Amino acid sequence: MATGVFDDALIKHLWSNDECRAIFSDENRVRKWYEFEAALAIEQAALGIIPKEAADEIVAKAKTATIDIEAIGAEIRRIKHPLVPALKALQAQCTGDLGEYIHFGPTTQDVLDTGTVLQMRDIHAIYLRDLKAIGNDLYRLSKTHRATPMVGRTHGVQALPITFGHKSAIWLSELGRHYERLRELEKRVFVGGMVGAVGTMASYGPQARELEKRLMKRLGLGVADINWQPARDRFAEYVCVLGMLGQTLNKIANEIYVLEHTEIGELYEPFSDGKLGSSTMPHKRNPSSCEAVMGATRALKYNVTLMLESMVIEHERDGAAWRAEWRALPESCLITGGVLGSMKYIIGGLEVDAAKMRANLDLLGGFLLSERVMFELSDKIGKQTAHELVYEISMHGIENNIPFEQALMADARVRGAMSEQELKAALDPTTYVGLATEIVDDVLKAAESWL
């Protein structure tokens, strides 16, 4: 029986995907520890700290070692230590006593933190890839629908006309900023740890600084200026940015979900043959992919709080705070990878009903254009007077179910200021989208720098 949503065979697809799970699998986690130990052995041998034959053996076995997760896990539970059993398992596969030189100097957190960074770096590449894919689809949608008129809504109700391209360009712009954030934090977050028990590098000897530089270069990571075992802002920053990205994806998914309501019917997530909406209502076509994104990102949001809590460290190391990261950070990475994959599917196949968008512009019987009429009248009778007049006419028309044009033309003050032809032109919602198309073009041009 599964113990959580990430490995539940029935619902794990709603929370992440196989590509991301492989990166944060138990075996890959141990592989990353071994990658650290192998790289360390190579550089220690190069500096004459350990024998070269020992380094060669450690490297060879680190690459080919059989990893028995169950056995390592059982030993971890027995001795109450998260790393030593994995190291002993690797040592046991080395020839003779060459394995004695494994872990020659590091403390446990050096290995576990750096291994986590290596996992994060791998999944980070997936995020950038999928963000670009989503961005390219939003670019296409925004360009295609730059002038497709639809209702703009504020406070949940119809307000003024916009274009769908303008709406999707906002999504594109916001995701572009998240892409920039992810790229900008790389230099801060993707650094390794090689500082020893309390951060002084005492166990590494006089060549510690040179060893650290060589090790991190081999691992493809940056070098920290000082011990970050008690300074967890790097991991917290990463999850905070993932939380922001998740809420943007949540917002987009929710918007599609709402616009897919039967009474609105302007957008639809992709529908595949065989997709079932209900066990009893055969006609249902539910926005289930959007719902999955909305649900998963809620959990991601609360992991941000847990990561912020884990920034509070006592002294040079704090196992309680560290252990909280073990849950929140991998979960956050898995969820983010899952929702990005889902949104790539949703945006890539998003159905836009331009005809329904146009029809919904007429639902208010013309009252959607009250602002435009007010400004047209302002030139003749003054802005405040025009506002009071249009408000009065609007409330009367809405309460008595009278179309806006009819209600306006029934008022002598309006007839004296505007001709019937001018009024009809002012009530065309497709011609009152302001600079929407030009704004979309500007966003598209800017997006080309990261897509």
Protein backbone atom coordinates (compact mmCIF):
# COMPACT_ATOMS: atom_id res chain seq x y z
CA MET A 1 0.00 0.00 0.00
CA ALA A 2 1.32 3.46 -0.90
CA THR A 3 2.20 5.80 1.94
CA GLY A 4 1.78 9.06 0.03
CA VAL A 5 0.46 10.65 -3.13
CA PHE A 6 3.83 10.63 -4.91
CA ASP A 7 4.10 6.84 -5.03
CA ASP A 8 0.40 5.94 -5.06
CA ALA A 9 -0.06 3.94 -8.26
CA LEU A 10 -3.62 5.21 -8.68
CA ILE A 11 -3.17 8.96 -8.28
CA LYS A 12 0.56 9.72 -8.48
CA HIS A 13 0.11 11.15 -11.99
CA LEU A 14 -1.86 14.01 -10.42
CA TRP A 15 1.06 15.07 -8.26
CA SER A 16 4.17 14.62 -10.36
CA ASN A 17 5.52 12.57 -13.26
CA ASP A 18 7.98 9.74 -13.85
CA GLU A 19 10.74 12.05 -15.08
CA CYS A 20 10.73 14.05 -11.85
CA ARG A 21 10.21 11.02 -9.61
CA ALA A 22 13.33 9.42 -11.11
CA ILE A 23 15.41 12.42 -10.04
CA PHE A 24 14.13 12.24 -6.46
CA SER A 25 14.05 8.47 -6.23
CA ASP A 26 15.83 6.77 -3.34
CA GLU A 27 18.37 5.17 -5.65
CA ASN A 28 19.21 8.42 -7.44
CA ARG A 29 19.63 10.17 -4.10
CA VAL A 30 22.26 7.62 -3.09
CA ARG A 31 23.84 7.90 -6.55
CA LYS A 32 24.27 11.63 -5.98
CA TRP A 33 26.01 10.92 -2.66
CA TYR A 34 28.33 8.55 -4.44
CA GLU A 35 28.93 11.15 -7.15
CA PHE A 36 30.11 13.54 -4.43
CA GLU A 37 32.36 10.92 -2.85
CA ALA A 38 33.85 9.92 -6.20
CA ALA A 39 34.57 13.52 -7.24
CA LEU A 40 36.11 14.20 -3.83
CA ALA A 41 38.35 11.13 -4.11
CA ILE A 42 39.57 12.19 -7.57
CA GLU A 43 40.57 15.63 -6.38
CA GLN A 44 42.07 14.39 -3.12
CA ALA A 45 44.23 11.96 -5.09
CA ALA A 46 45.30 14.75 -7.44
CA LEU A 47 46.45 16.76 -4.44
CA GLY A 48 48.21 13.78 -2.86
CA ILE A 49 45.81 13.51 0.05
CA ILE A 50 44.76 9.90 -0.67
CA PRO A 51 46.36 7.20 -2.86
CA LYS A 52 45.44 7.35 -6.54
CA GLU A 53 44.61 3.65 -6.64
CA ALA A 54 42.10 4.22 -3.85
CA ALA A 55 40.50 7.07 -5.79
CA ASP A 56 40.35 4.95 -8.94
CA GLU A 57 38.64 2.14 -7.07
CA ILE A 58 36.15 4.48 -5.36
CA VAL A 59 35.26 6.11 -8.67
CA ALA A 60 34.83 2.79 -10.45
CA LYS A 61 32.63 1.33 -7.75
CA ALA A 62 30.64 4.55 -7.29
CA LYS A 63 29.60 4.30 -10.94
CA THR A 64 28.70 0.62 -10.90
CA ALA A 65 27.73 0.00 -7.28
CA THR A 66 24.70 -2.11 -6.61
CA ILE A 67 22.39 -0.07 -4.42
CA ASP A 68 20.16 -2.11 -2.13
CA ILE A 69 17.80 0.55 -0.84
CA GLU A 70 16.00 -1.80 1.51
CA ALA A 71 19.23 -2.94 3.14
CA ILE A 72 20.57 0.62 3.44
CA GLY A 73 17.25 1.78 4.86
CA ALA A 74 17.16 -1.00 7.42
CA GLU A 75 20.67 -0.12 8.57
CA ILE A 76 19.76 3.58 8.78
CA ARG A 77 16.89 2.67 11.08
CA ARG A 78 19.18 0.48 13.16
CA ILE A 79 22.05 2.90 13.72
CA LYS A 80 19.97 6.09 13.46
CA HIS A 81 22.29 7.75 10.91
CA PRO A 82 21.17 8.90 7.42
CA LEU A 83 24.45 8.43 5.51
CA VAL A 84 26.89 5.95 7.05
CA PRO A 85 25.03 2.81 5.88
CA ALA A 86 25.22 4.00 2.26
CA LEU A 87 28.94 4.68 2.64
CA LYS A 88 29.55 1.25 4.14
CA ALA A 89 27.61 -0.34 1.30
CA LEU A 90 29.94 1.37 -1.19
CA GLN A 91 33.04 0.49 0.83
CA ALA A 92 32.02 -3.17 0.90
CA GLN A 93 32.10 -3.24 -2.90
CA CYS A 94 35.63 -1.82 -3.09
CA THR A 95 38.67 -4.06 -3.41
CA GLY A 96 40.70 -4.75 -0.30
CA ASP A 97 41.09 -1.80 2.01
CA LEU A 98 40.85 0.87 -0.73
CA GLY A 99 37.36 1.71 0.42
CA GLU A 100 38.83 3.03 3.66
CA TYR A 101 39.45 6.31 1.84
CA ILE A 102 35.79 6.92 1.08
CA HIS A 103 34.43 10.01 2.85
CA PHE A 104 37.91 11.17 3.82
CA GLY A 105 37.12 14.47 5.49
CA PRO A 106 33.46 15.39 4.85
CA THR A 107 30.72 15.56 7.38
CA THR A 108 27.34 14.05 6.64
CA GLN A 109 25.70 17.33 5.77
CA ASP A 110 28.42 18.10 3.22
CA VAL A 111 27.31 15.05 1.27
CA LEU A 112 23.57 15.25 1.79
CA ASP A 113 23.31 18.96 1.02
CA THR A 114 25.47 18.73 -2.09
CA GLY A 115 23.60 15.64 -3.26
CA THR A 116 20.33 17.55 -2.89
CA VAL A 117 21.72 20.46 -4.89
CA LEU A 118 22.69 18.03 -7.67
CA GLN A 119 19.14 16.67 -7.72
CA MET A 120 17.72 20.19 -7.76
CA ARG A 121 19.98 21.15 -10.64
CA ASP A 122 18.72 18.20 -12.66
CA ILE A 123 15.05 18.99 -12.10
CA HIS A 124 15.75 22.70 -12.59
CA ALA A 125 16.63 21.95 -16.22
CA ILE A 126 13.22 20.33 -16.64
CA TYR A 127 11.51 23.41 -15.24
CA LEU A 128 13.29 25.69 -17.69
CA ARG A 129 12.47 23.39 -20.58
CA ASP A 130 8.78 23.15 -19.71
CA LEU A 131 8.48 26.86 -18.95
CA LYS A 132 9.80 27.59 -22.42
CA ALA A 133 7.31 25.14 -23.94
CA ILE A 134 4.42 26.78 -22.09
CA GLY A 135 5.76 30.20 -22.99
CA ASN A 136 5.92 29.33 -26.67
CA ASP A 137 2.32 28.12 -26.64
CA LEU A 138 1.20 31.27 -24.85
CA TYR A 139 3.14 33.29 -27.42
CA ARG A 140 1.24 31.50 -30.17
CA LEU A 141 -2.12 32.01 -28.46
CA SER A 142 -1.43 35.67 -27.75
CA LYS A 143 -0.37 36.35 -31.32
CA THR A 144 -3.29 34.43 -32.83
CA HIS A 145 -5.84 36.09 -30.56
CA ARG A 146 -4.24 39.52 -30.13
CA ALA A 147 -7.45 41.09 -31.51
CA THR A 148 -10.01 38.43 -30.51
CA PRO A 149 -12.53 40.38 -28.40
CA MET A 150 -13.83 38.99 -25.15
CA VAL A 151 -15.28 40.24 -21.89
CA GLY A 152 -12.92 41.61 -19.27
CA ARG A 153 -14.19 40.92 -15.79
CA THR A 154 -13.47 42.66 -12.49
CA HIS A 155 -14.76 41.50 -9.10
CA GLY A 156 -16.05 38.41 -10.92
CA VAL A 157 -18.52 40.30 -13.16
CA GLN A 158 -18.39 41.81 -16.63
CA ALA A 159 -16.55 45.12 -16.80
CA LEU A 160 -15.22 46.14 -20.25
CA PRO A 161 -14.07 44.48 -23.48
CA ILE A 162 -10.52 43.15 -23.76
CA THR A 163 -8.92 40.67 -26.14
CA PHE A 164 -8.04 37.09 -25.31
CA GLY A 165 -4.54 37.78 -26.58
CA HIS A 166 -4.23 40.47 -23.92
CA LYS A 167 -5.27 38.02 -21.21
CA SER A 168 -2.88 35.29 -22.36
CA ALA A 169 -0.06 37.82 -22.81
CA ILE A 170 -0.39 38.69 -19.12
CA TRP A 171 0.16 35.00 -18.34
CA LEU A 172 3.14 34.95 -20.69
CA SER A 173 4.69 38.03 -19.10
CA GLU A 174 4.27 36.66 -15.58
CA LEU A 175 5.82 33.31 -16.47
CA GLY A 176 8.67 35.17 -18.13
CA ARG A 177 9.47 36.83 -14.82
CA HIS A 178 9.51 33.44 -13.10
CA TYR A 179 11.88 32.16 -15.77
CA GLU A 180 14.17 35.11 -15.02
CA ARG A 181 13.96 34.41 -11.29
CA LEU A 182 14.93 30.79 -11.81
CA ARG A 183 17.92 31.75 -13.93
CA GLU A 184 19.02 34.51 -11.56
CA LEU A 185 18.99 32.30 -8.47
CA GLU A 186 21.20 29.63 -10.05
CA LYS A 187 24.42 31.32 -8.95
CA ARG A 188 23.17 31.56 -5.36
CA VAL A 189 21.47 28.19 -5.00
CA PHE A 190 23.57 25.78 -7.00
CA VAL A 191 26.61 25.72 -4.74
CA GLY A 192 28.01 22.72 -2.92
CA GLY A 193 29.08 22.14 0.64
CA MET A 194 32.53 20.96 1.75
CA VAL A 195 33.18 22.50 5.13
CA GLY A 196 33.34 19.68 7.69
CA ALA A 197 31.57 19.29 10.97
CA VAL A 198 31.26 22.92 12.07
CA GLY A 199 32.20 24.78 8.91
CA THR A 200 35.92 25.36 9.56
CA MET A 201 37.24 22.75 7.07
CA ALA A 202 39.54 21.40 9.81
CA SER A 203 39.14 17.78 8.65
CA TYR A 204 40.27 18.57 5.10
CA GLY A 205 43.76 19.76 5.98
CA PRO A 206 45.78 22.72 4.70
CA GLN A 207 44.70 22.26 1.06
CA ALA A 208 41.01 22.56 1.91
CA ARG A 209 40.33 25.70 -0.09
CA GLU A 210 42.00 24.37 -3.22
CA LEU A 211 40.26 21.02 -2.76
CA GLU A 212 36.89 22.73 -2.46
CA LYS A 213 37.39 24.69 -5.67
CA ARG A 214 38.45 21.60 -7.58
CA LEU A 215 35.62 19.48 -6.19
CA MET A 216 32.90 21.99 -7.03
CA LYS A 217 34.29 22.56 -10.49
CA ARG A 218 34.16 18.82 -11.13
CA LEU A 219 30.57 18.67 -9.88
CA GLY A 220 29.62 21.75 -11.90
CA LEU A 221 28.61 23.72 -8.81
CA GLY A 222 29.56 27.07 -7.36
CA VAL A 223 31.78 27.58 -4.33
CA ALA A 224 30.13 29.06 -1.23
CA ASP A 225 31.86 31.95 0.48
CA ILE A 226 31.31 30.36 3.90
CA ASN A 227 29.58 27.41 5.54
CA TRP A 228 25.86 27.38 4.72
CA GLN A 229 24.81 24.46 6.91
CA PRO A 230 23.30 26.94 9.40
CA ALA A 231 22.23 29.38 6.66
CA ARG A 232 19.35 27.81 4.75
CA ASP A 233 18.27 30.80 2.71
CA ARG A 234 19.40 29.12 -0.51
CA PHE A 235 16.95 26.26 -0.26
CA ALA A 236 14.26 28.55 1.14
CA GLU A 237 14.66 30.97 -1.75
CA TYR A 238 14.34 28.16 -4.26
CA VAL A 239 11.12 26.84 -2.77
CA CYS A 240 9.74 30.37 -2.41
CA VAL A 241 10.24 30.93 -6.13
CA LEU A 242 8.67 27.54 -6.86
CA GLY A 243 5.75 28.60 -4.67
CA MET A 244 5.31 31.80 -6.68
CA LEU A 245 5.54 29.89 -9.95
CA GLY A 246 3.02 27.39 -8.63
CA GLN A 247 0.52 30.09 -7.74
CA THR A 248 0.81 31.63 -11.20
CA LEU A 249 0.08 28.22 -12.73
CA ASN A 250 -2.76 27.82 -10.22
CA LYS A 251 -4.16 31.19 -11.31
CA ILE A 252 -4.02 30.28 -14.99
CA ALA A 253 -5.56 26.85 -14.40
CA ASN A 254 -8.31 28.40 -12.28
CA GLU A 255 -9.03 31.00 -14.97
CA ILE A 256 -9.42 28.28 -17.59
CA TYR A 257 -11.55 26.30 -15.14
CA VAL A 258 -13.87 29.27 -14.61
CA LEU A 259 -14.08 30.17 -18.30
CA GLU A 260 -14.97 26.55 -19.03
CA HIS A 261 -18.14 26.86 -16.96
CA THR A 262 -21.12 25.92 -19.09
CA GLU A 263 -22.63 29.38 -18.61
CA ILE A 264 -19.45 31.03 -19.96
CA GLY A 265 -17.93 28.45 -22.34
CA GLU A 266 -15.01 30.52 -23.67
CA LEU A 267 -12.05 28.20 -23.00
CA TYR A 268 -11.68 24.43 -22.77
CA GLU A 269 -8.80 22.29 -21.63
CA PRO A 270 -7.83 19.52 -24.09
CA PHE A 271 -10.18 16.59 -24.41
CA SER A 272 -8.90 13.16 -25.40
CA ASP A 273 -10.82 10.14 -26.63
CA GLY A 274 -11.96 8.03 -23.74
CA LYS A 275 -11.73 10.79 -21.13
CA LEU A 276 -14.57 10.27 -18.68
CA GLY A 277 -16.18 13.12 -16.78
CA SER A 278 -18.58 11.24 -14.54
CA SER A 279 -19.49 7.71 -13.50
CA THR A 280 -23.20 8.54 -13.82
CA MET A 281 -23.48 11.54 -16.17
CA PRO A 282 -22.17 10.56 -19.61
CA HIS A 283 -22.33 14.11 -20.99
CA LYS A 284 -19.82 15.56 -18.52
CA ARG A 285 -16.58 17.04 -19.86
CA ASN A 286 -14.83 18.09 -16.69
CA PRO A 287 -11.75 20.37 -16.46
CA SER A 288 -9.95 17.65 -14.49
CA SER A 289 -6.43 18.59 -15.60
CA CYS A 290 -6.94 22.14 -14.37
CA GLU A 291 -8.32 20.81 -11.10
CA ALA A 292 -5.21 18.67 -10.65
CA VAL A 293 -2.97 21.72 -11.02
CA MET A 294 -5.12 23.77 -8.64
CA GLY A 295 -5.06 21.03 -6.00
CA ALA A 296 -1.34 20.25 -6.16
CA THR A 297 -0.24 23.88 -5.99
CA ARG A 298 -2.15 24.34 -2.75
CA ALA A 299 0.16 21.81 -1.11
CA LEU A 300 3.17 23.55 -2.65
CA LYS A 301 2.13 26.84 -1.07
CA TYR A 302 2.24 25.37 2.43
CA ASN A 303 5.67 23.84 1.85
CA VAL A 304 6.96 27.39 1.41
CA THR A 305 6.05 28.06 5.04
CA LEU A 306 7.84 24.92 6.18
CA MET A 307 11.00 25.94 4.30
CA LEU A 308 10.89 29.38 5.90
CA GLU A 309 10.59 27.72 9.31
CA SER A 310 13.68 25.66 8.46
CA MET A 311 15.76 28.81 8.14
CA VAL A 312 15.79 29.10 11.94
CA ILE A 313 18.88 27.09 12.90
CA GLU A 314 20.48 26.63 16.31
CA HIS A 315 24.28 26.93 16.44
CA GLU A 316 26.32 25.32 13.63
CA ARG A 317 23.84 22.59 12.71
CA ASP A 318 20.26 21.76 13.58
CA GLY A 319 18.90 18.32 12.77
CA ALA A 320 15.28 19.23 13.43
CA ALA A 321 15.21 22.03 10.87
CA TRP A 322 17.24 19.97 8.42
CA ARG A 323 14.81 17.06 8.60
CA ALA A 324 11.87 19.32 7.80
CA GLU A 325 13.65 20.21 4.55
CA TRP A 326 13.87 16.53 3.69
CA ARG A 327 10.12 16.53 3.27
CA ALA A 328 9.33 20.02 2.00
CA LEU A 329 12.06 20.47 -0.60
CA PRO A 330 11.66 17.21 -2.58
CA GLU A 331 7.87 17.50 -2.40
CA SER A 332 8.03 21.04 -3.73
CA CYS A 333 10.29 20.00 -6.59
CA LEU A 334 8.08 17.03 -7.49
CA ILE A 335 4.89 19.09 -7.41
CA THR A 336 6.40 21.86 -9.51
CA GLY A 337 7.58 19.39 -12.13
CA GLY A 338 4.16 17.78 -12.18
CA VAL A 339 2.14 20.96 -12.56
CA LEU A 340 4.48 22.31 -15.23
CA GLY A 341 3.97 19.11 -17.19
CA SER A 342 0.20 19.38 -16.76
CA MET A 343 0.13 23.03 -17.80
CA LYS A 344 2.26 22.23 -20.84
CA TYR A 345 -0.47 19.79 -21.87
CA ILE A 346 -3.31 22.19 -21.04
CA ILE A 347 -1.91 25.29 -22.75
CA GLY A 348 -0.59 23.30 -25.69
CA GLY A 349 -4.06 21.99 -26.48
CA LEU A 350 -6.21 24.83 -25.15
CA GLU A 351 -9.42 25.32 -27.11
CA VAL A 352 -10.54 28.92 -27.61
CA ASP A 353 -14.18 29.55 -28.54
CA ALA A 354 -13.95 32.98 -30.14
CA ALA A 355 -17.61 32.89 -31.17
CA LYS A 356 -18.74 32.37 -27.57
CA MET A 357 -16.42 35.15 -26.44
CA ARG A 358 -18.10 37.45 -28.92
CA ALA A 359 -21.58 36.36 -27.86
CA ASN A 360 -20.79 36.95 -24.19
CA LEU A 361 -19.92 40.56 -24.99
CA ASP A 362 -23.64 41.12 -25.65
CA LEU A 363 -24.97 39.45 -22.50
CA LEU A 364 -25.51 42.77 -20.70
CA GLY A 365 -27.55 44.24 -23.51
CA GLY A 366 -25.02 46.98 -24.20
CA PHE A 367 -24.39 48.07 -20.61
CA LEU A 368 -20.82 46.76 -20.94
CA LEU A 369 -20.06 49.97 -22.85
CA SER A 370 -21.30 52.41 -20.18
CA GLU A 371 -17.79 53.80 -19.66
CA ARG A 372 -17.39 54.55 -23.35
CA VAL A 373 -20.77 56.27 -23.57
CA MET A 374 -19.94 58.30 -20.49
CA PHE A 375 -16.71 59.59 -22.03
CA GLU A 376 -18.47 60.34 -25.33
CA LEU A 377 -21.01 62.44 -23.42
CA SER A 378 -18.29 64.09 -21.30
CA ASP A 379 -17.14 66.17 -24.25
CA LYS A 380 -20.64 67.64 -24.47
CA ILE A 381 -21.95 67.92 -20.92
CA GLY A 382 -18.93 67.40 -18.62
CA LYS A 383 -17.49 64.25 -17.07
CA GLN A 384 -19.19 64.28 -13.65
CA THR A 385 -22.56 65.19 -15.15
CA ALA A 386 -22.14 62.47 -17.77
CA HIS A 387 -21.24 59.90 -15.09
CA GLU A 388 -24.36 60.72 -13.06
CA LEU A 389 -26.54 60.63 -16.16
CA VAL A 390 -25.24 57.29 -17.45
CA TYR A 391 -25.43 55.80 -13.96
CA GLU A 392 -29.06 56.88 -13.64
CA ILE A 393 -29.96 55.49 -17.06
CA SER A 394 -28.03 52.26 -16.45
CA MET A 395 -29.71 51.48 -13.15
CA HIS A 396 -33.12 52.21 -14.63
CA GLY A 397 -32.45 50.04 -17.67
CA ILE A 398 -31.02 47.11 -15.72
CA GLU A 399 -33.82 47.12 -13.16
CA ASN A 400 -36.49 47.27 -15.84
CA ASN A 401 -34.80 44.93 -18.35
CA ILE A 402 -34.45 47.66 -20.98
CA PRO A 403 -31.52 47.38 -23.45
CA PHE A 404 -28.88 50.06 -22.93
CA GLU A 405 -29.32 51.68 -26.34
CA GLN A 406 -33.08 51.95 -25.87
CA ALA A 407 -32.70 53.34 -22.35
CA LEU A 408 -30.20 55.95 -23.58
CA MET A 409 -32.26 57.09 -26.56
CA ALA A 410 -35.30 57.47 -24.33
CA ASP A 411 -33.51 60.27 -22.46
CA ALA A 412 -33.71 63.73 -24.04
CA ARG A 413 -30.38 64.77 -22.53
CA VAL A 414 -28.61 61.95 -24.37
CA ARG A 415 -30.46 62.61 -27.63
CA GLY A 416 -29.41 66.23 -27.42
CA ALA A 417 -25.74 65.30 -27.09
CA MET A 418 -25.36 62.22 -29.34
CA SER A 419 -26.90 61.11 -32.61
CA GLU A 420 -28.32 57.61 -32.98
CA GLN A 421 -25.46 56.73 -35.34
CA GLU A 422 -22.84 57.95 -32.84
CA LEU A 423 -24.50 55.94 -30.09
CA LYS A 424 -24.58 52.73 -32.15
CA ALA A 425 -20.87 53.12 -32.91
CA ALA A 426 -20.10 53.69 -29.24
CA LEU A 427 -21.96 50.50 -28.30
CA ASP A 428 -19.83 48.23 -30.52
CA PRO A 429 -17.74 46.21 -28.00
CA THR A 430 -15.24 45.05 -30.60
CA THR A 431 -13.97 48.59 -31.14
CA TYR A 432 -13.40 49.44 -27.50
CA VAL A 433 -10.34 47.41 -26.56
CA GLY A 434 -7.99 50.35 -26.20
CA LEU A 435 -4.35 49.60 -26.93
CA ALA A 436 -4.75 45.88 -26.26
CA THR A 437 -3.26 44.74 -29.56
CA GLU A 438 -0.28 47.09 -29.32
CA ILE A 439 0.37 46.00 -25.73
CA VAL A 440 0.26 42.35 -26.79
CA ASP A 441 2.79 43.04 -29.53
CA ASP A 442 5.13 44.65 -26.99
CA VAL A 443 4.86 41.63 -24.66
CA LEU A 444 5.51 39.22 -27.53
CA LYS A 445 8.61 41.13 -28.57
CA ALA A 446 9.94 41.11 -25.01
CA ALA A 447 9.20 37.39 -24.59
CA GLU A 448 11.45 36.51 -27.51
CA SER A 449 14.45 37.14 -25.26
CA TRP A 450 13.74 34.02 -23.20
CA LEU A 451 11.71 31.73 -25.44
